[in-house]
Amino acid sequence: MAVPKKRTSMSKKRIRKNIWNKKGNLAAVKAFSLAKSISTGRSKSFFVQQTNNKVVE
């Protein structure tokens, strides 16, 4: 027979939510850092093929 579960405390909910938010923020910081290093050409772990776009007048 199904038994109702005990209620989760507000502090436990807050802790779990904060951990979840910190993981998302860390992933965003890493992605932004990688994008910055790629755009400046200083990336050592990510290779981008450079193309020469010359404007012909």
PDB file of N, CA and C in Angstrom:
ATOM      1  N   MET A   1       0.826  -1.181   0.000  1.00  0.00           N
ATOM      2  CA  MET A   1       0.000   0.000   0.000  1.00  0.00           C
ATOM      3  C   MET A   1       0.875   1.252   0.000  1.00  0.00           C
ATOM      4  N   ALA A   2       0.425   2.301  -0.710  1.00  0.00           N
ATOM      5  CA  ALA A   2       1.205   3.534  -0.815  1.00  0.00           C
ATOM      6  C   ALA A   2       1.159   4.315   0.500  1.00  0.00           C
ATOM      7  N   VAL A   3       2.313   4.814   0.893  1.00  0.00           N
ATOM      8  CA  VAL A   3       2.425   5.597   2.120  1.00  0.00           C
ATOM      9  C   VAL A   3       2.911   6.995   1.753  1.00  0.00           C
ATOM     10  N   PRO A   4       2.287   8.052   2.283  1.00  0.00           N
ATOM     11  CA  PRO A   4       2.744   9.404   1.964  1.00  0.00           C
ATOM     12  C   PRO A   4       4.161   9.652   2.481  1.00  0.00           C
ATOM     13  N   LYS A   5       4.926  10.360   1.686  1.00  0.00           N
ATOM     14  CA  LYS A   5       6.304  10.661   2.061  1.00  0.00           C
ATOM     15  C   LYS A   5       6.340  11.859   3.015  1.00  0.00           C
ATOM     16  N   LYS A   6       7.435  11.963   3.769  1.00  0.00           N
ATOM     17  CA  LYS A   6       7.592  13.110   4.659  1.00  0.00           C
ATOM     18  C   LYS A   6       7.933  14.345   3.836  1.00  0.00           C
ATOM     19  N   ARG A   7       7.552  15.475   4.336  1.00  0.00           N
ATOM     20  CA  ARG A   7       7.781  16.734   3.638  1.00  0.00           C
ATOM     21  C   ARG A   7       9.263  17.138   3.744  1.00  0.00           C
ATOM     22  N   THR A   8       9.827  17.646   2.616  1.00  0.00           N
ATOM     23  CA  THR A   8      11.214  18.106   2.603  1.00  0.00           C
ATOM     24  C   THR A   8      11.279  19.507   3.200  1.00  0.00           C
ATOM     25  N   SER A   9      12.247  19.736   4.065  1.00  0.00           N
ATOM     26  CA  SER A   9      12.360  21.034   4.730  1.00  0.00           C
ATOM     27  C   SER A   9      12.788  22.112   3.741  1.00  0.00           C
ATOM     28  N   MET A  10      12.458  23.367   4.071  1.00  0.00           N
ATOM     29  CA  MET A  10      12.792  24.501   3.202  1.00  0.00           C
ATOM     30  C   MET A  10      14.306  24.641   3.056  1.00  0.00           C
ATOM     31  N   SER A  11      15.055  24.404   4.132  1.00  0.00           N
ATOM     32  CA  SER A  11      16.512  24.560   4.050  1.00  0.00           C
ATOM     33  C   SER A  11      17.115  23.536   3.089  1.00  0.00           C
ATOM     34  N   LYS A  12      16.599  22.297   3.121  1.00  0.00           N
ATOM     35  CA  LYS A  12      17.090  21.268   2.216  1.00  0.00           C
ATOM     36  C   LYS A  12      16.767  21.627   0.774  1.00  0.00           C
ATOM     37  N   LYS A  13      15.561  22.157   0.543  1.00  0.00           N
ATOM     38  CA  LYS A  13      15.173  22.595  -0.799  1.00  0.00           C
ATOM     39  C   LYS A  13      16.100  23.695  -1.293  1.00  0.00           C
ATOM     40  N   ARG A  14      16.387  24.666  -0.422  1.00  0.00           N
ATOM     41  CA  ARG A  14      17.254  25.789  -0.782  1.00  0.00           C
ATOM     42  C   ARG A  14      18.660  25.312  -1.118  1.00  0.00           C
ATOM     43  N   ILE A  15      19.179  24.386  -0.313  1.00  0.00           N
ATOM     44  CA  ILE A  15      20.520  23.847  -0.547  1.00  0.00           C
ATOM     45  C   ILE A  15      20.587  23.177  -1.915  1.00  0.00           C
ATOM     46  N   ARG A  16      19.593  22.328  -2.223  1.00  0.00           N
ATOM     47  CA  ARG A  16      19.578  21.628  -3.509  1.00  0.00           C
ATOM     48  C   ARG A  16      19.457  22.610  -4.670  1.00  0.00           C
ATOM     49  N   LYS A  17      18.612  23.621  -4.503  1.00  0.00           N
ATOM     50  CA  LYS A  17      18.417  24.624  -5.559  1.00  0.00           C
ATOM     51  C   LYS A  17      19.699  25.411  -5.799  1.00  0.00           C
ATOM     52  N   ASN A  18      20.401  25.780  -4.706  1.00  0.00           N
ATOM     53  CA  ASN A  18      21.651  26.519  -4.841  1.00  0.00           C
ATOM     54  C   ASN A  18      22.718  25.695  -5.546  1.00  0.00           C
ATOM     55  N   ILE A  19      22.802  24.410  -5.219  1.00  0.00           N
ATOM     56  CA  ILE A  19      23.771  23.527  -5.883  1.00  0.00           C
ATOM     57  C   ILE A  19      23.457  23.464  -7.377  1.00  0.00           C
ATOM     58  N   TRP A  20      22.180  23.319  -7.719  1.00  0.00           N
ATOM     59  CA  TRP A  20      21.749  23.242  -9.109  1.00  0.00           C
ATOM     60  C   TRP A  20      22.099  24.531  -9.846  1.00  0.00           C
ATOM     61  N   ASN A  21      21.854  25.688  -9.200  1.00  0.00           N
ATOM     62  CA  ASN A  21      22.164  26.982  -9.818  1.00  0.00           C
ATOM     63  C   ASN A  21      23.663  27.184  -9.992  1.00  0.00           C
ATOM     64  N   LYS A  22      24.458  26.752  -9.016  1.00  0.00           N
ATOM     65  CA  LYS A  22      25.912  26.907  -9.111  1.00  0.00           C
ATOM     66  C   LYS A  22      26.477  26.080 -10.259  1.00  0.00           C
ATOM     67  N   LYS A  23      25.928  24.875 -10.470  1.00  0.00           N
ATOM     68  CA  LYS A  23      26.384  24.048 -11.590  1.00  0.00           C
ATOM     69  C   LYS A  23      26.121  24.750 -12.917  1.00  0.00           C
ATOM     70  N   GLY A  24      24.940  25.346 -13.044  1.00  0.00           N
ATOM     71  CA  GLY A  24      24.601  26.077 -14.269  1.00  0.00           C
ATOM     72  C   GLY A  24      25.489  27.285 -14.471  1.00  0.00           C
ATOM     73  N   ASN A  25      25.746  28.034 -13.400  1.00  0.00           N
ATOM     74  CA  ASN A  25      26.612  29.207 -13.497  1.00  0.00           C
ATOM     75  C   ASN A  25      28.036  28.817 -13.875  1.00  0.00           C
ATOM     76  N   LEU A  26      28.549  27.735 -13.313  1.00  0.00           N
ATOM     77  CA  LEU A  26      29.896  27.277 -13.630  1.00  0.00           C
ATOM     78  C   LEU A  26      29.998  26.874 -15.102  1.00  0.00           C
ATOM     79  N   ALA A  27      28.983  26.182 -15.607  1.00  0.00           N
ATOM     80  CA  ALA A  27      28.975  25.785 -17.021  1.00  0.00           C
ATOM     81  C   ALA A  27      28.945  27.016 -17.922  1.00  0.00           C
ATOM     82  N   ALA A  28      28.182  28.042 -17.534  1.00  0.00           N
ATOM     83  CA  ALA A  28      28.102  29.267 -18.328  1.00  0.00           C
ATOM     84  C   ALA A  28      29.439  30.000 -18.336  1.00  0.00           C
ATOM     85  N   VAL A  29      30.107  30.051 -17.190  1.00  0.00           N
ATOM     86  CA  VAL A  29      31.416  30.719 -17.104  1.00  0.00           C
ATOM     87  C   VAL A  29      32.433  29.992 -17.974  1.00  0.00           C
ATOM     88  N   LYS A  30      32.425  28.656 -17.938  1.00  0.00           N
ATOM     89  CA  LYS A  30      33.358  27.875 -18.751  1.00  0.00           C
ATOM     90  C   LYS A  30      33.103  28.102 -20.239  1.00  0.00           C
ATOM     91  N   ALA A  31      31.824  28.106 -20.637  1.00  0.00           N
ATOM     92  CA  ALA A  31      31.472  28.309 -22.039  1.00  0.00           C
ATOM     93  C   ALA A  31      31.891  29.699 -22.501  1.00  0.00           C
ATOM     94  N   PHE A  32      31.671  30.708 -21.664  1.00  0.00           N
ATOM     95  CA  PHE A  32      32.050  32.079 -22.019  1.00  0.00           C
ATOM     96  C   PHE A  32      33.565  32.205 -22.132  1.00  0.00           C
ATOM     97  N   SER A  33      34.286  31.557 -21.220  1.00  0.00           N
ATOM     98  CA  SER A  33      35.746  31.592 -21.249  1.00  0.00           C
ATOM     99  C   SER A  33      36.279  30.942 -22.520  1.00  0.00           C
ATOM    100  N   LEU A  34      35.704  29.807 -22.903  1.00  0.00           N
ATOM    101  CA  LEU A  34      36.120  29.122 -24.128  1.00  0.00           C
ATOM    102  C   LEU A  34      35.828  29.983 -25.345  1.00  0.00           C
ATOM    103  N   ALA A  35      34.659  30.608 -25.380  1.00  0.00           N
ATOM    104  CA  ALA A  35      34.298  31.474 -26.505  1.00  0.00           C
ATOM    105  C   ALA A  35      35.248  32.657 -26.598  1.00  0.00           C
ATOM    106  N   LYS A  36      35.626  33.209 -25.445  1.00  0.00           N
ATOM    107  CA  LYS A  36      36.554  34.340 -25.427  1.00  0.00           C
ATOM    108  C   LYS A  36      37.928  33.926 -25.960  1.00  0.00           C
ATOM    109  N   SER A  37      38.408  32.761 -25.535  1.00  0.00           N
ATOM    110  CA  SER A  37      39.726  32.310 -25.978  1.00  0.00           C
ATOM    111  C   SER A  37      39.724  31.971 -27.463  1.00  0.00           C
ATOM    112  N   ILE A  38      38.613  31.448 -27.975  1.00  0.00           N
ATOM    113  CA  ILE A  38      38.514  31.145 -29.403  1.00  0.00           C
ATOM    114  C   ILE A  38      38.500  32.437 -30.213  1.00  0.00           C
ATOM    115  N   SER A  39      37.747  33.429 -29.749  1.00  0.00           N
ATOM    116  CA  SER A  39      37.631  34.675 -30.505  1.00  0.00           C
ATOM    117  C   SER A  39      38.939  35.460 -30.523  1.00  0.00           C
ATOM    118  N   THR A  40      39.751  35.329 -29.474  1.00  0.00           N
ATOM    119  CA  THR A  40      41.034  36.029 -29.444  1.00  0.00           C
ATOM    120  C   THR A  40      42.143  35.205 -30.079  1.00  0.00           C
ATOM    121  N   GLY A  41      41.879  33.924 -30.337  1.00  0.00           N
ATOM    122  CA  GLY A  41      42.876  33.058 -30.968  1.00  0.00           C
ATOM    123  C   GLY A  41      43.891  32.499 -29.993  1.00  0.00           C
ATOM    124  N   ARG A  42      43.608  32.525 -28.703  1.00  0.00           N
ATOM    125  CA  ARG A  42      44.559  32.041 -27.692  1.00  0.00           C
ATOM    126  C   ARG A  42      44.231  30.652 -27.180  1.00  0.00           C
ATOM    127  N   SER A  43      43.258  30.002 -27.789  1.00  0.00           N
ATOM    128  CA  SER A  43      42.836  28.697 -27.295  1.00  0.00           C
ATOM    129  C   SER A  43      43.900  27.648 -27.577  1.00  0.00           C
ATOM    130  N   LYS A  44      44.218  26.836 -26.559  1.00  0.00           N
ATOM    131  CA  LYS A  44      45.209  25.777 -26.724  1.00  0.00           C
ATOM    132  C   LYS A  44      44.548  24.406 -26.846  1.00  0.00           C
ATOM    133  N   SER A  45      43.284  24.310 -26.453  1.00  0.00           N
ATOM    134  CA  SER A  45      42.626  23.011 -26.446  1.00  0.00           C
ATOM    135  C   SER A  45      41.520  22.900 -27.496  1.00  0.00           C
ATOM    136  N   PHE A  46      41.278  23.979 -28.207  1.00  0.00           N
ATOM    137  CA  PHE A  46      40.181  23.983 -29.173  1.00  0.00           C
ATOM    138  C   PHE A  46      40.720  24.583 -30.460  1.00  0.00           C
ATOM    139  N   PHE A  47      40.663  23.829 -31.552  1.00  0.00           N
ATOM    140  CA  PHE A  47      41.241  24.293 -32.805  1.00  0.00           C
ATOM    141  C   PHE A  47      40.144  24.742 -33.754  1.00  0.00           C
ATOM    142  N   VAL A  48      40.337  25.935 -34.307  1.00  0.00           N
ATOM    143  CA  VAL A  48      39.385  26.492 -35.264  1.00  0.00           C
ATOM    144  C   VAL A  48      40.141  26.782 -36.538  1.00  0.00           C
ATOM    145  N   GLN A  49      39.579  26.363 -37.667  1.00  0.00           N
ATOM    146  CA  GLN A  49      40.221  26.610 -38.942  1.00  0.00           C
ATOM    147  C   GLN A  49      40.023  28.073 -39.326  1.00  0.00           C
ATOM    148  N   GLN A  50      41.136  28.763 -39.558  1.00  0.00           N
ATOM    149  CA  GLN A  50      41.069  30.173 -39.916  1.00  0.00           C
ATOM    150  C   GLN A  50      40.826  30.293 -41.423  1.00  0.00           C
ATOM    151  N   THR A  51      39.958  31.225 -41.784  1.00  0.00           N
ATOM    152  CA  THR A  51      39.709  31.471 -43.205  1.00  0.00           C
ATOM    153  C   THR A  51      40.141  32.890 -43.523  1.00  0.00           C
ATOM    154  N   ASN A  52      40.686  33.051 -44.712  1.00  0.00           N
ATOM    155  CA  ASN A  52      41.126  34.376 -45.139  1.00  0.00           C
ATOM    156  C   ASN A  52      40.034  34.997 -45.986  1.00  0.00           C
ATOM    157  N   ASN A  53      39.362  35.969 -45.428  1.00  0.00           N
ATOM    158  CA  ASN A  53      38.296  36.678 -46.143  1.00  0.00           C
ATOM    159  C   ASN A  53      38.836  38.022 -46.592  1.00  0.00           C
ATOM    160  N   LYS A  54      39.273  38.067 -47.839  1.00  0.00           N
ATOM    161  CA  LYS A  54      39.805  39.318 -48.374  1.00  0.00           C
ATOM    162  C   LYS A  54      38.721  40.017 -49.180  1.00  0.00           C
ATOM    163  N   VAL A  55      38.622  41.313 -48.998  1.00  0.00           N
ATOM    164  CA  VAL A  55      37.629  42.101 -49.722  1.00  0.00           C
ATOM    165  C   VAL A  55      38.264  42.567 -51.029  1.00  0.00           C
ATOM    166  N   VAL A  56      37.624  42.222 -52.145  1.00  0.00           N
ATOM    167  CA  VAL A  56      38.130  42.614 -53.456  1.00  0.00           C
ATOM    168  C   VAL A  56      37.363  43.849 -53.893  1.00  0.00           C
ATOM    169  N   GLU A  57      38.134  44.913 -54.203  1.00  0.00           N
ATOM    170  CA  GLU A  57      37.476  46.152 -54.633  1.00  0.00           C
ATOM    171  C   GLU A  57      37.589  46.342 -56.119  1.00  0.00           C
TER     172      GLU A  57
END
